[in-house]
Amino acid sequence: DLCALVISQNVIMYSVMLNFLNVQMPPRREPDHQAPTQAMVVAQFRDYHAKKFSGQGDPRIVDEWIQGLEFIFEVMDCPDRYRVICAQLQLTRLWWNAYWSMRPGEKAGCTWDMFKDLVRKKYYPSYYQAEMERQFLALQQGTRMVDEYEREFTRLAVFVPDLVRTEAQRAQRFIDGLFPAVRHNIVGHGTQTYARAVSIAQEVDASIRRKAVRDRAQPSAPVQPFTAPPALPAAQSAKEKKRKGK
């Protein structure tokens, strides 16, 4: 029967196709969610060719170096526990090894924040540290935009970790240096986190500046020109003088 023959051929072709697919298609694998190992993280870090740090030169290089490392770590999504391991590869080994040789058993507990504090204390001269502290304590917004003030606040805050140790301390120090009109508006909002204080300050500062621009754009009332009183006629003027002379 022709119909039965066609069906039989289709079944055979379908069977052959299934066998072909089973042979050619690799088994589906679930994505690998395994956490990166230390070796994997270090290898990835080396690919970015981070700068070495010798500790010599301008003290400001310390923060530039740390900021460069933090940028790389953010791009890598590097876990905190591996940041110190990667960063120490770029340091002068003599000082680093000597420091921990006097503190056996403590190195494993060194966090990224601790690492940054240690490097800054080591490579910032005392006079430079004192000057940065003085600038921080004297810092005011003045005529600057809040964004500019916040950047300078953040830059100087690294030199006074004891003054901005908690979120509340950091927020209050930031608020204290704001322009009075901005500061008073923030105080009215109650207790703030640092991020919230910055956000409100930006909004208030922008509102004040917009109002100042509008006020300058409004035309002021015209000034009336001075008009001298009319002079008296000569005859009337003589009589007036005679009356006053009596």
Protein backbone atom coordinates (compact mmCIF):
# COMPACT_ATOMS: atom_id res chain seq x y z
CA ASP A 1 0.00 0.00 0.00
CA LEU A 2 1.44 3.38 -1.05
CA CYS A 3 0.11 5.26 1.99
CA ALA A 4 1.62 2.74 4.40
CA LEU A 5 4.94 2.95 2.55
CA VAL A 6 5.06 6.76 2.88
CA ILE A 7 4.27 6.59 6.61
CA SER A 8 6.97 3.97 7.10
CA GLN A 9 9.54 6.12 5.31
CA ASN A 10 8.61 9.16 7.42
CA VAL A 11 9.02 7.16 10.63
CA ILE A 12 12.45 5.99 9.49
CA MET A 13 13.53 9.55 8.58
CA TYR A 14 12.28 10.88 11.92
CA SER A 15 14.21 8.18 13.76
CA VAL A 16 17.37 8.98 11.83
CA MET A 17 16.94 12.71 12.59
CA LEU A 18 16.58 12.04 16.32
CA ASN A 19 19.70 9.90 16.31
CA PHE A 20 21.58 12.65 14.46
CA LEU A 21 20.49 15.31 16.96
CA ASN A 22 21.40 13.15 19.92
CA VAL A 23 24.88 12.65 18.52
CA GLN A 24 25.55 16.22 17.36
CA MET A 25 24.05 18.28 20.20
CA PRO A 26 26.16 18.45 23.37
CA PRO A 27 24.31 18.01 26.64
CA ARG A 28 22.99 21.26 28.11
CA ARG A 29 24.99 22.51 31.06
CA GLU A 30 23.80 24.74 33.82
CA PRO A 31 25.75 28.01 34.21
CA ASP A 32 28.66 27.77 36.60
CA HIS A 33 27.97 29.88 39.69
CA GLN A 34 31.09 28.81 41.52
CA ALA A 35 32.74 31.65 43.45
CA PRO A 36 36.05 32.82 41.95
CA THR A 37 39.16 31.43 43.57
CA GLN A 38 42.07 33.54 44.77
CA ALA A 39 44.17 32.43 41.79
CA MET A 40 41.43 33.46 39.35
CA VAL A 41 41.04 36.90 40.95
CA VAL A 42 44.79 37.56 41.04
CA ALA A 43 45.15 36.53 37.39
CA GLN A 44 42.32 38.86 36.38
CA PHE A 45 43.82 41.68 38.45
CA ARG A 46 47.19 41.34 36.73
CA ASP A 47 45.50 41.85 33.36
CA TYR A 48 44.71 45.45 34.35
CA HIS A 49 48.40 46.31 34.85
CA ALA A 50 47.84 48.38 37.99
CA LYS A 51 50.56 50.84 38.93
CA LYS A 52 53.27 49.82 41.37
CA PHE A 53 53.64 51.98 44.46
CA SER A 54 57.10 52.76 45.82
CA GLY A 55 56.05 55.28 48.47
CA GLN A 56 58.29 58.00 47.06
CA GLY A 57 57.33 61.45 45.77
CA ASP A 58 54.32 63.66 46.38
CA PRO A 59 52.11 62.37 49.24
CA ARG A 60 49.05 62.93 47.05
CA ILE A 61 50.20 59.98 44.95
CA VAL A 62 49.09 57.69 47.77
CA ASP A 63 45.42 58.53 47.29
CA GLU A 64 45.71 58.50 43.50
CA TRP A 65 47.16 54.99 43.72
CA ILE A 66 44.45 53.78 46.11
CA GLN A 67 41.70 55.31 43.95
CA GLY A 68 43.17 53.60 40.89
CA LEU A 69 43.05 50.24 42.66
CA GLU A 70 39.48 50.80 43.83
CA PHE A 71 38.39 51.58 40.27
CA ILE A 72 39.89 48.29 39.07
CA PHE A 73 38.26 46.36 41.93
CA GLU A 74 34.87 47.86 41.10
CA VAL A 75 35.20 46.89 37.44
CA MET A 76 36.28 43.37 38.46
CA ASP A 77 33.54 43.14 41.09
CA CYS A 78 36.37 41.93 43.31
CA PRO A 79 35.33 40.48 46.70
CA ASP A 80 36.69 42.45 49.65
CA ARG A 81 38.68 39.49 50.98
CA TYR A 82 40.81 39.42 47.81
CA ARG A 83 41.46 43.17 47.52
CA VAL A 84 44.27 43.20 50.07
CA ILE A 85 45.89 40.19 48.41
CA CYS A 86 45.88 41.94 45.03
CA ALA A 87 46.93 45.35 46.35
CA GLN A 88 49.92 44.05 48.30
CA LEU A 89 51.37 42.77 45.02
CA GLN A 90 51.83 46.41 44.00
CA LEU A 91 53.50 47.51 47.25
CA THR A 92 57.11 47.69 48.40
CA ARG A 93 57.40 44.26 49.95
CA LEU A 94 60.09 45.15 52.49
CA TRP A 95 57.86 47.41 54.57
CA TRP A 96 54.76 45.23 54.21
CA ASN A 97 56.53 42.05 55.29
CA ALA A 98 58.32 43.80 58.15
CA TYR A 99 55.05 45.21 59.46
CA TRP A 100 53.34 41.83 59.66
CA SER A 101 56.40 39.97 60.93
CA MET A 102 55.88 41.85 64.20
CA ARG A 103 52.19 40.86 64.27
CA PRO A 104 52.08 37.13 63.61
CA GLY A 105 48.60 35.74 63.08
CA GLU A 106 46.96 39.12 62.43
CA LYS A 107 47.57 39.48 58.70
CA ALA A 108 44.66 37.23 57.71
CA GLY A 109 42.26 39.62 59.43
CA CYS A 110 43.42 42.69 57.48
CA THR A 111 40.44 44.19 55.64
CA TRP A 112 40.58 46.57 52.68
CA ASP A 113 39.75 49.56 54.90
CA MET A 114 42.50 48.55 57.34
CA PHE A 115 44.94 48.23 54.43
CA LYS A 116 44.17 51.77 53.23
CA ASP A 117 44.62 53.20 56.73
CA LEU A 118 47.98 51.42 57.14
CA VAL A 119 49.31 52.68 53.81
CA ARG A 120 48.23 56.25 54.50
CA LYS A 121 49.77 56.27 57.97
CA LYS A 122 53.00 54.89 56.57
CA TYR A 123 53.44 57.20 53.58
CA TYR A 124 51.86 60.49 54.67
CA PRO A 125 54.46 62.76 56.31
CA SER A 126 53.34 64.15 59.68
CA TYR A 127 53.36 67.74 58.39
CA TYR A 128 51.16 66.78 55.44
CA GLN A 129 48.75 64.88 57.66
CA ALA A 130 48.49 67.87 60.02
CA GLU A 131 47.85 70.27 57.13
CA MET A 132 45.09 68.08 55.70
CA GLU A 133 43.45 67.84 59.12
CA ARG A 134 43.57 71.64 59.44
CA GLN A 135 41.96 72.04 56.01
CA PHE A 136 39.23 69.58 56.90
CA LEU A 137 38.37 71.33 60.16
CA ALA A 138 38.25 74.71 58.37
CA LEU A 139 36.30 73.45 55.35
CA GLN A 140 33.19 75.46 54.45
CA GLN A 141 30.95 75.39 51.39
CA GLY A 142 31.23 79.14 50.86
CA THR A 143 30.22 80.06 47.30
CA ARG A 144 30.89 76.57 45.94
CA MET A 145 28.25 74.26 44.56
CA VAL A 146 27.35 71.43 46.94
CA ASP A 147 28.93 68.91 44.53
CA GLU A 148 32.27 70.73 44.70
CA TYR A 149 32.08 71.00 48.48
CA GLU A 150 31.22 67.30 48.81
CA ARG A 151 34.19 66.25 46.65
CA GLU A 152 36.58 68.30 48.78
CA PHE A 153 34.96 66.96 51.96
CA THR A 154 35.45 63.38 50.77
CA ARG A 155 39.07 64.03 49.77
CA LEU A 156 39.99 65.51 53.14
CA ALA A 157 37.94 63.09 55.25
CA VAL A 158 40.42 60.27 54.59
CA PHE A 159 42.94 62.15 56.74
CA VAL A 160 40.65 62.34 59.77
CA PRO A 161 39.10 58.85 60.07
CA ASP A 162 38.49 59.30 63.80
CA LEU A 163 36.25 62.32 63.14
CA VAL A 164 34.06 60.57 60.56
CA ARG A 165 34.13 57.04 61.95
CA THR A 166 30.34 56.61 62.02
CA GLU A 167 27.63 57.54 59.54
CA ALA A 168 26.19 60.08 61.98
CA GLN A 169 29.57 61.75 62.54
CA ARG A 170 30.25 62.01 58.83
CA ALA A 171 26.81 63.47 58.09
CA GLN A 172 27.04 66.03 60.91
CA ARG A 173 30.51 67.21 59.85
CA PHE A 174 29.25 67.64 56.30
CA ILE A 175 26.17 69.58 57.42
CA ASP A 176 28.20 71.87 59.71
CA GLY A 177 30.23 73.17 56.77
CA LEU A 178 27.29 73.99 54.51
CA PHE A 179 26.18 77.50 53.59
CA PRO A 180 23.87 78.70 56.44
CA ALA A 181 20.72 78.87 54.30
CA VAL A 182 21.33 75.32 53.07
CA ARG A 183 22.29 74.02 56.51
CA HIS A 184 19.13 75.36 58.18
CA ASN A 185 16.92 73.57 55.66
CA ILE A 186 18.68 70.25 56.29
CA VAL A 187 18.46 70.60 60.07
CA GLY A 188 14.70 70.95 59.68
CA HIS A 189 14.56 67.45 58.17
CA GLY A 190 15.86 65.81 61.37
CA THR A 191 18.57 63.14 61.65
CA GLN A 192 20.15 62.29 58.30
CA THR A 193 22.45 59.68 56.84
CA TYR A 194 25.42 61.06 54.93
CA ALA A 195 23.96 60.18 51.53
CA ARG A 196 20.61 61.72 52.45
CA ALA A 197 22.27 64.88 53.79
CA VAL A 198 24.16 65.31 50.52
CA SER A 199 21.01 64.74 48.47
CA ILE A 200 18.94 67.30 50.41
CA ALA A 201 21.80 69.81 50.34
CA GLN A 202 22.01 69.51 46.55
CA GLU A 203 18.27 70.10 46.19
CA VAL A 204 18.19 73.08 48.57
CA ASP A 205 21.31 74.64 47.08
CA ALA A 206 19.92 74.33 43.55
CA SER A 207 16.61 75.89 44.66
CA ILE A 208 18.39 78.85 46.27
CA ARG A 209 20.48 79.45 43.16
CA ARG A 210 17.45 79.30 40.86
CA LYS A 211 15.66 81.87 43.01
CA ALA A 212 18.69 84.16 42.91
CA VAL A 213 18.73 83.96 39.11
CA ARG A 214 15.00 84.78 38.90
CA ASP A 215 15.40 87.73 41.27
CA ARG A 216 18.21 89.16 39.17
CA ALA A 217 16.14 88.77 36.01
CA GLN A 218 13.17 90.75 37.37
CA PRO A 219 13.28 94.47 36.41
CA SER A 220 13.64 96.77 39.38
CA ALA A 221 11.25 99.69 39.95
CA PRO A 222 12.32 102.75 37.92
CA VAL A 223 14.01 105.49 39.94
CA GLN A 224 12.11 108.77 39.79
CA PRO A 225 14.36 111.65 38.65
CA PHE A 226 14.88 114.46 41.13
CA THR A 227 12.82 117.58 40.30
CA ALA A 228 13.74 120.88 41.96
CA PRO A 229 10.84 123.03 43.25
CA PRO A 230 9.87 125.94 40.96
CA ALA A 231 11.61 129.27 41.65
CA LEU A 232 9.52 132.09 43.16
CA PRO A 233 8.90 135.26 41.09
CA ALA A 234 11.34 138.09 41.85
CA ALA A 235 8.73 140.36 43.53
CA GLN A 236 7.37 137.54 45.66
CA SER A 237 10.90 136.51 46.57
CA ALA A 238 11.73 140.07 47.86
CA LYS A 239 8.58 140.18 50.00
CA GLU A 240 9.42 136.74 51.40
CA LYS A 241 12.92 137.87 52.39
CA LYS A 242 11.52 141.04 54.03
CA ARG A 243 9.01 138.97 56.01
CA LYS A 244 11.70 136.63 57.25
CA GLY A 245 13.88 139.60 58.23
CA LYS A 246 11.31 140.96 60.68
